[in-house]
Amino acid sequence: MIKKILSICVLLCGLCAGVKAEEAPIDQLKAFLKASASFSADFKQVTLNKAGQASQTSTGQFYLRRPGKFRWNYQKPFAQEIVSNAGKVWFYDADLEQVTVKQLDDSLGSTPALLLTGQVDLDEKFVLEEQGNDDDLNWIRLSPKNEESGFKYILIGLNHGQLGGMELSDNFGQLTRIYFSNIKLNPALNDGLFNFTPPKNADVFEN
């Protein structure tokens, strides 16, 4: 589960600046990858089981600054923080009083984890297919070429050259969908947002 959340986190690291709406969706996505900017939004994350039923819904705030810095503040139903900076990612579960630390490096390159940081060749790692327009979003399907990636596909929806939604399907039949609202492109974000110090009472596990 941690690996899947990490993948979702960094998927967004290049989706920060608008592109020309008349460009083809795949060209829009590639233009995103070249952008250096910041991004903030409220989010709703829905996980669906094999039967297509929502098994969990989470809400909170997301902050991003390229390259490689992001923070997810989960507020409901459980308080969690996911923070990336200086090549590491911290996962903090307030209820469990537990912190897990992972390296953000090329060992994750076969998953979506490094996809939108600009460190992965999109055409080398994924098969890109335009999926048409649905709910006013132009969808692009990214299928990993590495069969051990843990993902069947990723869908990214663009709305007039801006991020609109995402869907990830793993090899266990689960779907994760993310919806964004109150989107701000290129906001000024304080460096402190991307710093994390484990609470004194928390157990820390580093991989």
N, C-alpha and C. Protein backbone atom coordinates (compact mmCIF):
# COMPACT_ATOMS: atom_id res chain seq x y z
N MET A 1 0.83 -1.20 0.00
CA MET A 1 0.00 0.00 0.00
C MET A 1 0.87 1.26 0.00
N ILE A 2 1.97 1.22 0.78
CA ILE A 2 2.86 2.38 0.83
C ILE A 2 3.43 2.66 -0.56
N LYS A 3 3.83 1.59 -1.26
CA LYS A 3 4.40 1.77 -2.60
C LYS A 3 3.39 2.40 -3.53
N LYS A 4 2.11 2.00 -3.39
CA LYS A 4 1.08 2.55 -4.26
C LYS A 4 0.85 4.03 -3.97
N ILE A 5 0.81 4.39 -2.68
CA ILE A 5 0.63 5.80 -2.32
C ILE A 5 1.79 6.62 -2.83
N LEU A 6 3.01 6.08 -2.70
CA LEU A 6 4.19 6.79 -3.19
C LEU A 6 4.09 7.03 -4.68
N SER A 7 3.61 6.03 -5.40
CA SER A 7 3.47 6.17 -6.85
C SER A 7 2.51 7.29 -7.20
N ILE A 8 1.39 7.35 -6.48
CA ILE A 8 0.42 8.42 -6.72
C ILE A 8 1.04 9.77 -6.43
N CYS A 9 1.80 9.85 -5.35
CA CYS A 9 2.41 11.12 -4.97
C CYS A 9 3.24 11.71 -6.09
N VAL A 10 4.17 10.92 -6.59
CA VAL A 10 5.13 11.49 -7.51
C VAL A 10 4.58 11.57 -8.92
N LEU A 11 3.51 10.87 -9.19
CA LEU A 11 2.84 11.02 -10.47
C LEU A 11 2.55 12.48 -10.80
N LEU A 12 2.34 13.27 -9.76
CA LEU A 12 1.92 14.65 -9.96
C LEU A 12 3.08 15.62 -10.11
N CYS A 13 4.30 15.16 -9.99
CA CYS A 13 5.43 16.08 -9.88
C CYS A 13 5.70 16.86 -11.16
N GLY A 14 5.08 16.49 -12.26
CA GLY A 14 5.28 17.28 -13.46
C GLY A 14 4.02 17.98 -13.92
N LEU A 15 2.90 17.71 -13.25
CA LEU A 15 1.62 18.26 -13.70
C LEU A 15 1.35 19.60 -13.04
N CYS A 16 2.11 20.62 -13.41
CA CYS A 16 2.05 21.87 -12.65
C CYS A 16 1.82 23.10 -13.48
N ALA A 17 1.95 23.06 -14.76
CA ALA A 17 1.81 24.29 -15.54
C ALA A 17 0.90 24.02 -16.73
N GLY A 18 0.14 25.02 -17.12
CA GLY A 18 -0.78 24.87 -18.24
C GLY A 18 -0.04 24.76 -19.56
N VAL A 19 -0.67 24.13 -20.54
CA VAL A 19 -0.14 24.03 -21.89
C VAL A 19 -1.24 24.44 -22.84
N LYS A 20 -0.91 24.60 -24.09
CA LYS A 20 -1.89 25.02 -25.07
C LYS A 20 -2.96 23.97 -25.25
N ALA A 21 -4.20 24.37 -25.09
CA ALA A 21 -5.30 23.42 -25.12
C ALA A 21 -5.45 22.77 -26.48
N GLU A 22 -4.96 23.42 -27.55
CA GLU A 22 -5.14 22.85 -28.88
C GLU A 22 -4.16 21.73 -29.17
N GLU A 23 -3.15 21.56 -28.33
CA GLU A 23 -2.21 20.48 -28.53
C GLU A 23 -2.88 19.14 -28.28
N ALA A 24 -2.36 18.08 -28.93
CA ALA A 24 -2.87 16.74 -28.67
C ALA A 24 -2.60 16.38 -27.22
N PRO A 25 -3.48 15.54 -26.60
CA PRO A 25 -3.32 15.21 -25.18
C PRO A 25 -1.93 14.69 -24.81
N ILE A 26 -1.36 13.82 -25.64
CA ILE A 26 -0.03 13.29 -25.32
C ILE A 26 1.01 14.40 -25.37
N ASP A 27 0.86 15.32 -26.32
CA ASP A 27 1.78 16.45 -26.38
C ASP A 27 1.61 17.35 -25.16
N GLN A 28 0.37 17.51 -24.70
CA GLN A 28 0.12 18.29 -23.49
C GLN A 28 0.83 17.66 -22.29
N LEU A 29 0.72 16.34 -22.17
CA LEU A 29 1.36 15.65 -21.06
C LEU A 29 2.88 15.81 -21.10
N LYS A 30 3.46 15.68 -22.28
CA LYS A 30 4.90 15.84 -22.41
C LYS A 30 5.34 17.27 -22.11
N ALA A 31 4.47 18.22 -22.45
CA ALA A 31 4.79 19.62 -22.12
C ALA A 31 4.80 19.82 -20.61
N PHE A 32 3.88 19.14 -19.91
CA PHE A 32 3.87 19.20 -18.46
C PHE A 32 5.22 18.75 -17.88
N LEU A 33 5.76 17.68 -18.46
CA LEU A 33 6.99 17.10 -17.94
C LEU A 33 8.16 18.07 -18.00
N LYS A 34 8.08 19.01 -18.92
CA LYS A 34 9.19 19.96 -19.09
C LYS A 34 9.03 21.20 -18.21
N ALA A 35 7.87 21.30 -17.54
CA ALA A 35 7.59 22.51 -16.76
C ALA A 35 8.27 22.45 -15.40
N SER A 36 8.68 23.61 -14.90
CA SER A 36 9.16 23.76 -13.53
C SER A 36 8.25 24.76 -12.84
N ALA A 37 7.49 24.26 -11.88
CA ALA A 37 6.50 25.13 -11.26
C ALA A 37 6.05 24.53 -9.94
N SER A 38 5.00 25.10 -9.39
CA SER A 38 4.42 24.61 -8.15
C SER A 38 2.92 24.43 -8.34
N PHE A 39 2.31 23.76 -7.37
CA PHE A 39 0.91 23.35 -7.52
C PHE A 39 0.34 23.10 -6.14
N SER A 40 -0.90 23.52 -5.93
CA SER A 40 -1.59 23.16 -4.69
C SER A 40 -3.06 22.92 -5.01
N ALA A 41 -3.70 22.06 -4.21
CA ALA A 41 -5.10 21.74 -4.45
C ALA A 41 -5.66 20.99 -3.26
N ASP A 42 -6.98 21.02 -3.12
CA ASP A 42 -7.68 20.08 -2.25
C ASP A 42 -7.90 18.81 -3.06
N PHE A 43 -7.94 17.67 -2.38
CA PHE A 43 -8.14 16.43 -3.13
C PHE A 43 -9.12 15.51 -2.43
N LYS A 44 -9.72 14.67 -3.26
CA LYS A 44 -10.56 13.57 -2.79
C LYS A 44 -10.02 12.31 -3.44
N GLN A 45 -9.65 11.33 -2.65
CA GLN A 45 -9.07 10.09 -3.17
C GLN A 45 -10.02 8.94 -2.84
N VAL A 46 -10.43 8.21 -3.87
CA VAL A 46 -11.37 7.11 -3.71
C VAL A 46 -10.72 5.81 -4.16
N THR A 47 -10.74 4.81 -3.30
CA THR A 47 -10.23 3.48 -3.64
C THR A 47 -11.40 2.54 -3.85
N LEU A 48 -11.41 1.84 -4.99
CA LEU A 48 -12.49 0.92 -5.33
C LEU A 48 -11.97 -0.51 -5.33
N ASN A 49 -12.79 -1.44 -4.85
CA ASN A 49 -12.39 -2.85 -4.84
C ASN A 49 -12.71 -3.52 -6.18
N LYS A 50 -12.50 -4.83 -6.26
CA LYS A 50 -12.71 -5.55 -7.51
C LYS A 50 -14.15 -5.45 -8.00
N ALA A 51 -15.08 -5.29 -7.08
CA ALA A 51 -16.50 -5.20 -7.45
C ALA A 51 -16.90 -3.80 -7.88
N GLY A 52 -15.94 -2.87 -7.87
CA GLY A 52 -16.23 -1.50 -8.27
C GLY A 52 -16.85 -0.67 -7.18
N GLN A 53 -16.82 -1.18 -5.94
CA GLN A 53 -17.40 -0.47 -4.81
C GLN A 53 -16.31 0.33 -4.08
N ALA A 54 -16.68 1.52 -3.64
CA ALA A 54 -15.72 2.36 -2.92
C ALA A 54 -15.41 1.75 -1.56
N SER A 55 -14.14 1.40 -1.33
CA SER A 55 -13.75 0.79 -0.06
C SER A 55 -13.20 1.82 0.91
N GLN A 56 -12.72 2.96 0.39
CA GLN A 56 -12.24 4.03 1.26
C GLN A 56 -12.22 5.34 0.50
N THR A 57 -12.61 6.39 1.18
CA THR A 57 -12.55 7.74 0.61
C THR A 57 -11.76 8.63 1.56
N SER A 58 -10.76 9.33 1.03
CA SER A 58 -9.91 10.20 1.84
C SER A 58 -9.94 11.60 1.26
N THR A 59 -9.76 12.60 2.12
CA THR A 59 -9.72 13.99 1.67
C THR A 59 -8.58 14.72 2.37
N GLY A 60 -8.11 15.79 1.73
CA GLY A 60 -7.05 16.58 2.33
C GLY A 60 -6.52 17.61 1.36
N GLN A 61 -5.27 18.00 1.58
CA GLN A 61 -4.62 19.02 0.74
C GLN A 61 -3.31 18.46 0.17
N PHE A 62 -2.99 18.93 -1.02
CA PHE A 62 -1.77 18.50 -1.70
C PHE A 62 -0.96 19.72 -2.12
N TYR A 63 0.36 19.64 -1.92
CA TYR A 63 1.27 20.72 -2.31
C TYR A 63 2.45 20.11 -3.06
N LEU A 64 2.89 20.80 -4.09
CA LEU A 64 3.98 20.29 -4.92
C LEU A 64 4.89 21.42 -5.36
N ARG A 65 6.19 21.15 -5.35
CA ARG A 65 7.13 22.05 -5.99
C ARG A 65 8.23 21.21 -6.63
N ARG A 66 8.39 21.40 -7.90
CA ARG A 66 9.43 20.67 -8.61
C ARG A 66 10.78 21.29 -8.33
N PRO A 67 11.84 20.46 -8.33
CA PRO A 67 11.81 19.02 -8.59
C PRO A 67 11.68 18.20 -7.30
N GLY A 68 10.75 17.25 -7.33
CA GLY A 68 10.72 16.21 -6.32
C GLY A 68 10.22 16.55 -4.93
N LYS A 69 9.61 17.71 -4.73
CA LYS A 69 9.10 18.06 -3.40
C LYS A 69 7.58 18.04 -3.41
N PHE A 70 7.00 17.31 -2.46
CA PHE A 70 5.55 17.33 -2.35
C PHE A 70 5.12 17.02 -0.93
N ARG A 71 3.89 17.36 -0.63
CA ARG A 71 3.27 17.05 0.67
C ARG A 71 1.80 16.74 0.45
N TRP A 72 1.39 15.57 0.98
CA TRP A 72 -0.03 15.22 1.05
C TRP A 72 -0.44 15.29 2.52
N ASN A 73 -1.39 16.12 2.84
CA ASN A 73 -1.97 16.18 4.18
C ASN A 73 -3.34 15.51 4.15
N TYR A 74 -3.39 14.26 4.60
CA TYR A 74 -4.68 13.56 4.69
C TYR A 74 -5.35 13.96 5.99
N GLN A 75 -6.60 14.42 5.91
CA GLN A 75 -7.34 14.85 7.09
C GLN A 75 -8.42 13.87 7.50
N LYS A 76 -9.15 13.33 6.53
CA LYS A 76 -10.22 12.37 6.81
C LYS A 76 -10.06 11.18 5.87
N PRO A 77 -10.39 9.95 6.34
CA PRO A 77 -10.89 9.61 7.68
C PRO A 77 -9.78 9.50 8.73
N PHE A 78 -8.50 9.46 8.30
CA PHE A 78 -7.39 9.34 9.23
C PHE A 78 -6.35 10.42 8.92
N ALA A 79 -5.73 10.94 9.98
CA ALA A 79 -4.69 11.95 9.80
C ALA A 79 -3.38 11.28 9.39
N GLN A 80 -2.89 11.67 8.21
CA GLN A 80 -1.62 11.15 7.70
C GLN A 80 -0.89 12.26 6.97
N GLU A 81 0.43 12.14 6.91
CA GLU A 81 1.25 13.07 6.14
C GLU A 81 2.21 12.26 5.28
N ILE A 82 2.37 12.71 4.04
CA ILE A 82 3.37 12.13 3.15
C ILE A 82 4.18 13.29 2.60
N VAL A 83 5.47 13.29 2.89
CA VAL A 83 6.32 14.43 2.54
C VAL A 83 7.55 13.93 1.79
N SER A 84 7.86 14.58 0.69
CA SER A 84 9.05 14.24 -0.10
C SER A 84 9.97 15.44 -0.19
N ASN A 85 11.27 15.19 0.06
CA ASN A 85 12.29 16.22 -0.04
C ASN A 85 13.65 15.54 -0.01
N ALA A 86 14.60 16.10 -0.74
CA ALA A 86 15.99 15.64 -0.70
C ALA A 86 16.14 14.15 -0.95
N GLY A 87 15.32 13.62 -1.87
CA GLY A 87 15.47 12.23 -2.27
C GLY A 87 14.86 11.22 -1.33
N LYS A 88 14.12 11.68 -0.30
CA LYS A 88 13.46 10.77 0.63
C LYS A 88 11.97 11.09 0.72
N VAL A 89 11.19 10.07 1.12
CA VAL A 89 9.76 10.27 1.33
C VAL A 89 9.41 9.75 2.73
N TRP A 90 8.73 10.59 3.51
CA TRP A 90 8.30 10.24 4.86
C TRP A 90 6.80 9.98 4.86
N PHE A 91 6.38 8.84 5.41
CA PHE A 91 4.97 8.50 5.57
C PHE A 91 4.66 8.49 7.06
N TYR A 92 3.81 9.39 7.51
CA TYR A 92 3.50 9.48 8.94
C TYR A 92 2.03 9.18 9.16
N ASP A 93 1.77 8.17 9.99
CA ASP A 93 0.42 7.80 10.39
C ASP A 93 0.24 8.23 11.84
N ALA A 94 -0.59 9.25 12.06
CA ALA A 94 -0.75 9.82 13.40
C ALA A 94 -1.38 8.82 14.36
N ASP A 95 -2.37 8.04 13.91
CA ASP A 95 -3.04 7.10 14.79
C ASP A 95 -2.10 5.98 15.24
N LEU A 96 -1.26 5.51 14.32
CA LEU A 96 -0.32 4.43 14.65
C LEU A 96 0.96 4.96 15.30
N GLU A 97 1.14 6.29 15.26
CA GLU A 97 2.38 6.91 15.75
C GLU A 97 3.58 6.23 15.10
N GLN A 98 3.53 6.17 13.79
CA GLN A 98 4.56 5.44 13.03
C GLN A 98 4.99 6.24 11.81
N VAL A 99 6.30 6.26 11.56
CA VAL A 99 6.87 6.92 10.40
C VAL A 99 7.64 5.89 9.58
N THR A 100 7.38 5.84 8.29
CA THR A 100 8.14 4.99 7.37
C THR A 100 8.88 5.90 6.40
N VAL A 101 10.18 5.64 6.22
CA VAL A 101 11.01 6.47 5.34
C VAL A 101 11.50 5.62 4.19
N LYS A 102 11.33 6.13 2.97
CA LYS A 102 11.78 5.42 1.78
C LYS A 102 12.66 6.33 0.93
N GLN A 103 13.58 5.73 0.21
CA GLN A 103 14.41 6.47 -0.74
C GLN A 103 13.64 6.64 -2.04
N LEU A 104 13.68 7.83 -2.60
CA LEU A 104 13.07 8.09 -3.89
C LEU A 104 14.18 8.04 -4.93
N ASP A 105 14.38 6.89 -5.53
CA ASP A 105 15.52 6.73 -6.43
C ASP A 105 15.13 5.87 -7.61
N ASP A 106 16.14 5.49 -8.41
CA ASP A 106 15.87 4.75 -9.64
C ASP A 106 15.33 3.36 -9.40
N SER A 107 15.39 2.86 -8.16
CA SER A 107 14.81 1.56 -7.88
C SER A 107 13.31 1.57 -8.05
N LEU A 108 12.71 2.77 -8.05
CA LEU A 108 11.27 2.92 -8.26
C LEU A 108 10.93 3.31 -9.69
N GLY A 109 11.94 3.30 -10.55
CA GLY A 109 11.73 3.79 -11.91
C GLY A 109 10.80 2.96 -12.75
N SER A 110 10.62 1.67 -12.38
CA SER A 110 9.72 0.82 -13.15
C SER A 110 8.27 1.00 -12.73
N THR A 111 8.03 1.77 -11.67
CA THR A 111 6.68 2.11 -11.25
C THR A 111 6.41 3.56 -11.66
N PRO A 112 5.18 4.06 -11.41
CA PRO A 112 4.93 5.46 -11.74
C PRO A 112 5.64 6.45 -10.83
N ALA A 113 6.40 5.94 -9.85
CA ALA A 113 6.91 6.82 -8.81
C ALA A 113 7.77 7.96 -9.32
N LEU A 114 8.54 7.73 -10.38
CA LEU A 114 9.40 8.79 -10.90
C LEU A 114 8.88 9.37 -12.20
N LEU A 115 7.67 8.99 -12.58
CA LEU A 115 7.17 9.33 -13.90
C LEU A 115 7.22 10.81 -14.22
N LEU A 116 6.70 11.62 -13.33
CA LEU A 116 6.53 13.03 -13.65
C LEU A 116 7.53 13.94 -12.95
N THR A 117 8.64 13.37 -12.52
CA THR A 117 9.69 14.20 -11.95
C THR A 117 10.63 14.71 -13.03
N GLY A 118 10.45 14.25 -14.27
CA GLY A 118 11.36 14.63 -15.34
C GLY A 118 12.59 13.75 -15.39
N GLN A 119 12.67 12.72 -14.54
CA GLN A 119 13.83 11.84 -14.48
C GLN A 119 13.63 10.55 -15.26
N VAL A 120 12.45 10.38 -15.84
CA VAL A 120 12.15 9.15 -16.57
C VAL A 120 11.75 9.50 -17.99
N ASP A 121 12.28 8.74 -18.95
CA ASP A 121 11.89 8.90 -20.34
C ASP A 121 10.51 8.27 -20.52
N LEU A 122 9.51 9.10 -20.78
CA LEU A 122 8.13 8.64 -20.85
C LEU A 122 7.94 7.55 -21.90
N ASP A 123 8.49 7.75 -23.08
CA ASP A 123 8.31 6.78 -24.17
C ASP A 123 9.10 5.49 -23.90
N GLU A 124 10.17 5.60 -23.14
CA GLU A 124 10.98 4.42 -22.84
C GLU A 124 10.29 3.52 -21.82
N LYS A 125 9.59 4.11 -20.85
CA LYS A 125 9.02 3.34 -19.75
C LYS A 125 7.56 2.94 -19.96
N PHE A 126 6.83 3.69 -20.81
CA PHE A 126 5.39 3.49 -20.93
C PHE A 126 4.94 3.47 -22.39
N VAL A 127 3.84 2.76 -22.62
CA VAL A 127 3.11 2.85 -23.88
C VAL A 127 2.00 3.88 -23.67
N LEU A 128 2.00 4.94 -24.49
CA LEU A 128 1.02 6.02 -24.34
C LEU A 128 -0.08 5.89 -25.38
N GLU A 129 -1.33 5.98 -24.92
CA GLU A 129 -2.48 5.88 -25.81
C GLU A 129 -3.53 6.92 -25.42
N GLU A 130 -4.00 7.68 -26.39
CA GLU A 130 -5.08 8.63 -26.14
C GLU A 130 -6.40 7.87 -26.02
N GLN A 131 -7.19 8.24 -25.02
CA GLN A 131 -8.43 7.52 -24.72
C GLN A 131 -9.69 8.32 -25.04
N GLY A 132 -9.53 9.47 -25.67
CA GLY A 132 -10.69 10.27 -26.01
C GLY A 132 -11.13 11.17 -24.87
N ASN A 133 -12.30 11.77 -25.04
CA ASN A 133 -12.82 12.74 -24.09
C ASN A 133 -13.98 12.14 -23.30
N ASP A 134 -13.93 12.31 -21.98
CA ASP A 134 -15.02 11.86 -21.12
C ASP A 134 -15.12 12.83 -19.95
N ASP A 135 -16.34 13.28 -19.66
CA ASP A 135 -16.56 14.26 -18.58
C ASP A 135 -15.70 15.50 -18.78
N ASP A 136 -15.57 15.93 -20.03
CA ASP A 136 -14.82 17.13 -20.39
C ASP A 136 -13.32 17.01 -20.11
N LEU A 137 -12.83 15.78 -19.96
CA LEU A 137 -11.40 15.55 -19.77
C LEU A 137 -10.85 14.74 -20.94
N ASN A 138 -9.68 15.12 -21.42
CA ASN A 138 -8.97 14.33 -22.42
C ASN A 138 -8.06 13.35 -21.69
N TRP A 139 -8.31 12.05 -21.90
CA TRP A 139 -7.63 11.03 -21.12
C TRP A 139 -6.48 10.39 -21.90
N ILE A 140 -5.38 10.14 -21.18
CA ILE A 140 -4.23 9.43 -21.73
C ILE A 140 -3.97 8.21 -20.87
N ARG A 141 -3.84 7.07 -21.51
CA ARG A 141 -3.54 5.82 -20.80
C ARG A 141 -2.04 5.54 -20.90
N LEU A 142 -1.42 5.29 -19.75
CA LEU A 142 -0.01 4.95 -19.70
C LEU A 142 0.12 3.53 -19.18
N SER A 143 0.59 2.63 -20.04
CA SER A 143 0.76 1.23 -19.67
C SER A 143 2.25 0.96 -19.50
N PRO A 144 2.69 0.50 -18.31
CA PRO A 144 4.12 0.28 -18.09
C PRO A 144 4.65 -0.86 -18.94
N LYS A 145 5.83 -0.66 -19.51
CA LYS A 145 6.46 -1.71 -20.31
C LYS A 145 7.06 -2.79 -19.43
N ASN A 146 7.41 -2.44 -18.22
CA ASN A 146 7.95 -3.41 -17.27
C ASN A 146 6.80 -4.14 -16.59
N GLU A 147 6.70 -5.45 -16.80
CA GLU A 147 5.59 -6.23 -16.27
C GLU A 147 5.65 -6.35 -14.75
N GLU A 148 6.77 -6.01 -14.13
CA GLU A 148 6.90 -6.11 -12.69
C GLU A 148 6.63 -4.77 -11.99
N SER A 149 6.05 -3.84 -12.69
CA SER A 149 5.84 -2.51 -12.13
C SER A 149 4.80 -2.49 -11.01
N GLY A 150 3.89 -3.48 -10.99
CA GLY A 150 2.84 -3.49 -9.99
C GLY A 150 1.58 -2.78 -10.43
N PHE A 151 1.60 -2.17 -11.64
CA PHE A 151 0.45 -1.44 -12.15
C PHE A 151 0.04 -1.98 -13.51
N LYS A 152 -1.27 -2.05 -13.73
CA LYS A 152 -1.78 -2.38 -15.05
C LYS A 152 -1.73 -1.16 -15.96
N TYR A 153 -2.21 -0.03 -15.43
CA TYR A 153 -2.21 1.19 -16.23
C TYR A 153 -2.41 2.39 -15.33
N ILE A 154 -2.16 3.57 -15.91
CA ILE A 154 -2.45 4.84 -15.27
C ILE A 154 -3.25 5.66 -16.27
N LEU A 155 -4.29 6.32 -15.82
CA LEU A 155 -5.02 7.26 -16.66
C LEU A 155 -4.81 8.67 -16.11
N ILE A 156 -4.49 9.60 -16.99
CA ILE A 156 -4.35 10.99 -16.60
C ILE A 156 -5.31 11.81 -17.45
N GLY A 157 -6.16 12.59 -16.79
CA GLY A 157 -7.14 13.42 -17.50
C GLY A 157 -6.73 14.88 -17.49
N LEU A 158 -6.74 15.51 -18.65
CA LEU A 158 -6.38 16.91 -18.79
C LEU A 158 -7.60 17.72 -19.19
N ASN A 159 -7.78 18.84 -18.54
CA ASN A 159 -8.90 19.72 -18.80
C ASN A 159 -8.38 21.06 -19.32
N HIS A 160 -8.48 21.28 -20.64
CA HIS A 160 -7.98 22.50 -21.25
C HIS A 160 -6.52 22.74 -20.88
N GLY A 161 -5.73 21.68 -20.94
CA GLY A 161 -4.30 21.80 -20.68
C GLY A 161 -3.92 21.81 -19.23
N GLN A 162 -4.87 21.50 -18.33
CA GLN A 162 -4.57 21.46 -16.91
C GLN A 162 -5.01 20.12 -16.33
N LEU A 163 -4.38 19.73 -15.23
CA LEU A 163 -4.70 18.47 -14.58
C LEU A 163 -6.15 18.46 -14.10
N GLY A 164 -6.88 17.39 -14.47
CA GLY A 164 -8.27 17.28 -14.05
C GLY A 164 -8.55 16.09 -13.17
N GLY A 165 -7.91 14.96 -13.45
CA GLY A 165 -8.16 13.76 -12.66
C GLY A 165 -7.16 12.67 -12.98
N MET A 166 -7.15 11.65 -12.14
CA MET A 166 -6.24 10.53 -12.32
C MET A 166 -6.93 9.24 -11.91
N GLU A 167 -6.50 8.14 -12.53
CA GLU A 167 -6.96 6.82 -12.11
C GLU A 167 -5.80 5.85 -12.24
N LEU A 168 -5.59 5.02 -11.22
CA LEU A 168 -4.53 4.03 -11.23
C LEU A 168 -5.12 2.66 -10.96
N SER A 169 -4.74 1.68 -11.78
CA SER A 169 -5.20 0.31 -11.60
C SER A 169 -4.00 -0.57 -11.27
N ASP A 170 -4.06 -1.27 -10.12
CA ASP A 170 -2.93 -2.13 -9.76
C ASP A 170 -3.20 -3.57 -10.17
N ASN A 171 -2.24 -4.43 -9.89
CA ASN A 171 -2.34 -5.83 -10.30
C ASN A 171 -3.21 -6.67 -9.37
N PHE A 172 -3.79 -6.03 -8.35
CA PHE A 172 -4.66 -6.75 -7.42
C PHE A 172 -6.13 -6.41 -7.64
N GLY A 173 -6.41 -5.69 -8.72
CA GLY A 173 -7.79 -5.39 -9.07
C GLY A 173 -8.35 -4.15 -8.41
N GLN A 174 -7.52 -3.38 -7.71
CA GLN A 174 -7.99 -2.15 -7.09
C GLN A 174 -7.80 -0.95 -8.01
N LEU A 175 -8.76 -0.04 -7.95
CA LEU A 175 -8.66 1.23 -8.66
C LEU A 175 -8.55 2.36 -7.65
N THR A 176 -7.69 3.31 -7.92
CA THR A 176 -7.58 4.51 -7.09
C THR A 176 -7.86 5.71 -7.97
N ARG A 177 -8.83 6.51 -7.58
CA ARG A 177 -9.18 7.71 -8.34
C ARG A 177 -8.94 8.94 -7.47
N ILE A 178 -8.42 10.00 -8.09
CA ILE A 178 -8.14 11.24 -7.38
C ILE A 178 -8.83 12.38 -8.12
N TYR A 179 -9.56 13.19 -7.36
CA TYR A 179 -10.24 14.36 -7.90
C TYR A 179 -9.68 15.60 -7.21
N PHE A 180 -9.46 16.67 -7.98
CA PHE A 180 -8.86 17.88 -7.44
C PHE A 180 -9.84 19.06 -7.50
N SER A 181 -9.74 19.93 -6.52
CA SER A 181 -10.53 21.16 -6.50
C SER A 181 -9.69 22.27 -5.89
N ASN A 182 -10.15 23.52 -6.06
CA ASN A 182 -9.40 24.69 -5.56
C ASN A 182 -7.94 24.66 -6.02
N ILE A 183 -7.77 24.36 -7.29
CA ILE A 183 -6.42 24.23 -7.85
C ILE A 183 -5.77 25.59 -8.00
N LYS A 184 -4.50 25.66 -7.59
CA LYS A 184 -3.69 26.86 -7.78
C LYS A 184 -2.40 26.47 -8.49
N LEU A 185 -2.16 27.10 -9.64
CA LEU A 185 -0.94 26.85 -10.39
C LEU A 185 0.11 27.88 -10.04
N ASN A 186 1.31 27.42 -9.80
CA ASN A 186 2.46 28.27 -9.50
C ASN A 186 2.28 29.16 -8.28
N PRO A 187 1.71 28.65 -7.19
CA PRO A 187 1.65 29.45 -5.97
C PRO A 187 3.02 29.53 -5.31
N ALA A 188 3.22 30.54 -4.49
CA ALA A 188 4.46 30.65 -3.71
C ALA A 188 4.32 29.73 -2.50
N LEU A 189 5.16 28.70 -2.41
CA LEU A 189 5.09 27.73 -1.33
C LEU A 189 6.34 27.82 -0.46
N ASN A 190 6.13 27.91 0.84
CA ASN A 190 7.23 28.03 1.78
C ASN A 190 8.04 26.74 1.84
N ASP A 191 9.37 26.87 1.98
CA ASP A 191 10.24 25.70 2.07
C ASP A 191 9.84 24.78 3.22
N GLY A 192 9.33 25.38 4.29
CA GLY A 192 8.97 24.58 5.46
C GLY A 192 7.89 23.56 5.20
N LEU A 193 7.08 23.76 4.16
CA LEU A 193 6.04 22.79 3.82
C LEU A 193 6.63 21.42 3.50
N PHE A 194 7.85 21.41 3.00
CA PHE A 194 8.45 20.17 2.51
C PHE A 194 9.52 19.63 3.45
N ASN A 195 9.50 20.10 4.69
CA ASN A 195 10.37 19.55 5.72
C ASN A 195 9.54 18.69 6.66
N PHE A 196 10.14 17.59 7.11
CA PHE A 196 9.43 16.71 8.04
C PHE A 196 10.37 16.25 9.14
N THR A 197 9.94 16.43 10.38
CA THR A 197 10.66 15.94 11.55
C THR A 197 9.76 14.97 12.29
N PRO A 198 10.17 13.71 12.42
CA PRO A 198 9.31 12.73 13.10
C PRO A 198 8.99 13.16 14.54
N PRO A 199 7.75 13.02 14.96
CA PRO A 199 7.40 13.31 16.36
C PRO A 199 8.22 12.43 17.31
N LYS A 200 8.49 12.92 18.51
CA LYS A 200 9.34 12.21 19.46
C LYS A 200 8.77 10.86 19.86
N ASN A 201 7.44 10.74 19.87
CA ASN A 201 6.82 9.49 20.32
C ASN A 201 6.60 8.50 19.19
N ALA A 202 7.03 8.82 17.98
CA ALA A 202 6.76 7.96 16.83
C ALA A 202 7.86 6.92 16.62
N ASP A 203 7.46 5.72 16.22
CA ASP A 203 8.42 4.71 15.78
C ASP A 203 8.81 5.00 14.34
N VAL A 204 10.10 4.94 14.03
CA VAL A 204 10.59 5.26 12.70
C VAL A 204 11.21 4.03 12.06
N PHE A 205 10.75 3.70 10.86
CA PHE A 205 11.26 2.56 10.09
C PHE A 205 11.79 3.10 8.77
N GLU A 206 13.06 2.84 8.48
CA GLU A 206 13.67 3.36 7.26
C GLU A 206 14.11 2.21 6.37
N ASN A 207 13.71 2.28 5.09
CA ASN A 207 14.06 1.25 4.11
C ASN A 207 15.16 1.77 3.18
